[in-house]
Protein backbone atom coordinates (compact mmCIF):
# COMPACT_ATOMS: atom_id res chain seq x y z
CA MET A 1 65.41 102.70 139.54
CA LYS A 2 68.11 100.19 137.42
CA THR A 3 71.59 100.85 137.87
CA SER A 4 71.90 102.38 134.31
CA GLU A 5 69.66 104.97 135.07
CA MET A 6 71.43 105.46 138.54
CA ILE A 7 74.77 105.90 136.88
CA THR A 8 73.12 108.05 133.98
CA GLU A 9 71.81 110.45 136.70
CA LEU A 10 75.21 110.30 138.43
CA GLU A 11 76.89 111.95 135.46
CA LYS A 12 74.29 114.74 134.97
CA ASN A 13 74.58 115.38 138.52
CA PRO A 14 77.93 113.74 140.63
CA LYS A 15 76.49 115.25 143.73
CA LEU A 16 73.75 112.30 144.31
CA ILE A 17 73.89 109.83 146.31
CA PHE A 18 72.06 106.45 146.27
CA PRO A 19 71.46 104.20 149.30
CA ASN A 20 70.80 100.73 148.54
CA GLY A 21 70.25 98.61 152.08
CA ASP A 22 73.73 98.87 153.63
CA PHE A 23 75.81 100.59 151.67
CA CYS A 24 75.53 103.96 149.28
CA LEU A 25 76.57 104.58 145.56
CA PHE A 26 77.91 107.96 144.87
CA ARG A 27 80.31 109.72 142.59
CA GLN A 28 83.86 111.45 143.52
CA GLY A 29 85.28 113.31 140.70
CA ASP A 30 85.44 110.70 137.72
CA LYS A 31 85.50 107.40 140.41
CA ILE A 32 81.84 105.64 141.27
CA LEU A 33 82.42 104.78 144.78
CA LEU A 34 80.69 102.03 147.19
CA GLN A 35 80.81 102.62 150.51
CA ASP A 36 78.49 101.71 153.83
CA LYS A 37 75.60 103.75 153.90
CA ASP A 38 76.90 105.88 157.10
CA ARG A 39 79.95 106.81 154.87
CA THR A 40 82.22 106.04 157.35
CA GLY A 41 83.96 103.13 156.11
CA VAL A 42 86.85 102.25 153.29
CA PRO A 43 84.84 103.33 150.10
CA MET A 44 85.28 100.73 147.21
CA ILE A 45 85.98 101.93 144.01
CA LEU A 46 83.99 100.63 140.97
CA PHE A 47 84.31 101.61 138.26
CA ASP A 48 86.43 104.95 136.55
CA MET A 49 83.67 107.06 134.74
CA THR A 50 86.28 107.68 132.34
CA THR A 51 87.10 104.16 131.13
CA ASP A 52 86.74 103.29 127.47
CA TRP A 53 84.42 100.38 127.31
CA GLN A 54 84.24 97.89 124.05
CA PRO A 55 81.74 95.49 123.49
CA VAL A 56 82.71 92.06 123.58
CA ARG A 57 81.37 90.59 120.07
CA GLU A 58 80.50 87.56 119.64
CA PRO A 59 81.69 84.96 116.54
CA VAL A 60 79.08 84.59 113.94
CA PRO A 61 79.18 82.41 111.23
CA TRP A 62 80.72 83.20 108.00
CA TYR A 63 77.69 82.91 105.74
CA GLU A 64 75.92 85.62 108.30
CA ALA A 65 78.76 87.91 108.19
CA LEU A 66 78.66 88.27 104.15
CA GLN A 67 75.14 88.86 104.51
CA ALA A 68 75.49 91.40 106.94
CA TRP A 69 77.81 92.91 105.04
CA VAL A 70 75.58 92.93 102.12
CA ASP A 71 73.14 94.52 104.11
CA GLY A 72 75.51 97.17 104.73
CA LYS A 73 76.76 96.45 107.89
CA LYS A 74 81.20 96.24 108.68
CA ILE A 75 82.39 92.98 109.05
CA ALA A 76 85.47 91.43 110.43
CA CYS A 77 87.39 88.16 110.31
CA GLN A 78 90.38 87.11 112.53
CA LEU A 79 92.74 85.22 110.80
CA SER A 80 95.43 85.09 113.49
CA GLU A 81 95.99 86.80 116.44
CA LYS A 82 97.73 89.51 113.67
CA ASP A 83 95.49 88.94 110.88
CA ARG A 84 92.31 90.36 111.64
CA ARG A 85 90.70 92.55 108.86
CA VAL A 86 87.41 94.54 109.16
CA HIS A 87 85.49 95.28 105.71
CA ASP A 88 83.60 98.02 105.32
CA PRO A 89 80.70 97.75 102.48
CA LYS A 90 80.86 101.37 101.19
CA MET A 91 84.63 100.08 99.88
CA CYS A 92 84.93 97.80 96.55
CA GLY A 93 86.91 94.94 95.94
CA SER A 94 88.06 94.85 99.89
CA MET A 95 88.02 91.03 99.86
CA SER A 96 89.63 89.00 96.96
CA TYR A 97 88.74 85.64 95.67
CA GLU A 98 91.91 84.01 97.55
CA TYR A 99 91.20 85.58 101.01
CA MET A 100 87.35 84.84 101.15
CA LYS A 101 88.66 80.62 100.43
CA THR A 102 90.80 81.11 103.01
CA ALA A 103 88.92 83.30 105.47
CA ILE A 104 85.51 81.39 105.04
CA ASN A 105 87.93 77.79 105.93
CA ASN A 106 89.85 79.53 108.60
CA GLY A 107 88.74 82.75 110.11
CA THR A 108 86.35 83.51 112.78
CA TRP A 109 84.14 86.27 111.88
CA TYR A 110 82.03 89.24 113.43
CA ILE A 111 79.52 91.39 113.05
CA GLU A 112 81.55 94.43 113.83
CA ASP A 113 77.96 97.23 113.02
CA SER A 114 75.91 96.06 114.62
CA SER A 115 73.88 100.06 115.63
CA ASN A 116 72.52 99.60 111.94
CA GLY A 117 70.02 97.21 113.03
């Protein structure tokens, strides 16, 4: 069983225990714990199942981001630490000429909506 499948099973049934060699993995409340197979040592918390995880987006060239926008995906441009704009293709006029000139030359582009393909 793969780790992702094991986590899914622990979500469905928190009473399951998964042994693997000298260790076992199990759920206690919202925490997934790793402990020695006899469950006598101090357990180590691997992660909290209520944590909100965000994928790390890889930057793409501006022309790839714009093509994704044309294809109906949301994109983002990071011009500075405080200036990050998300562009939704369903919203007309979200990018002006001046903004685009600056963004193409200085921005870091991302495809936000990777679920559409």
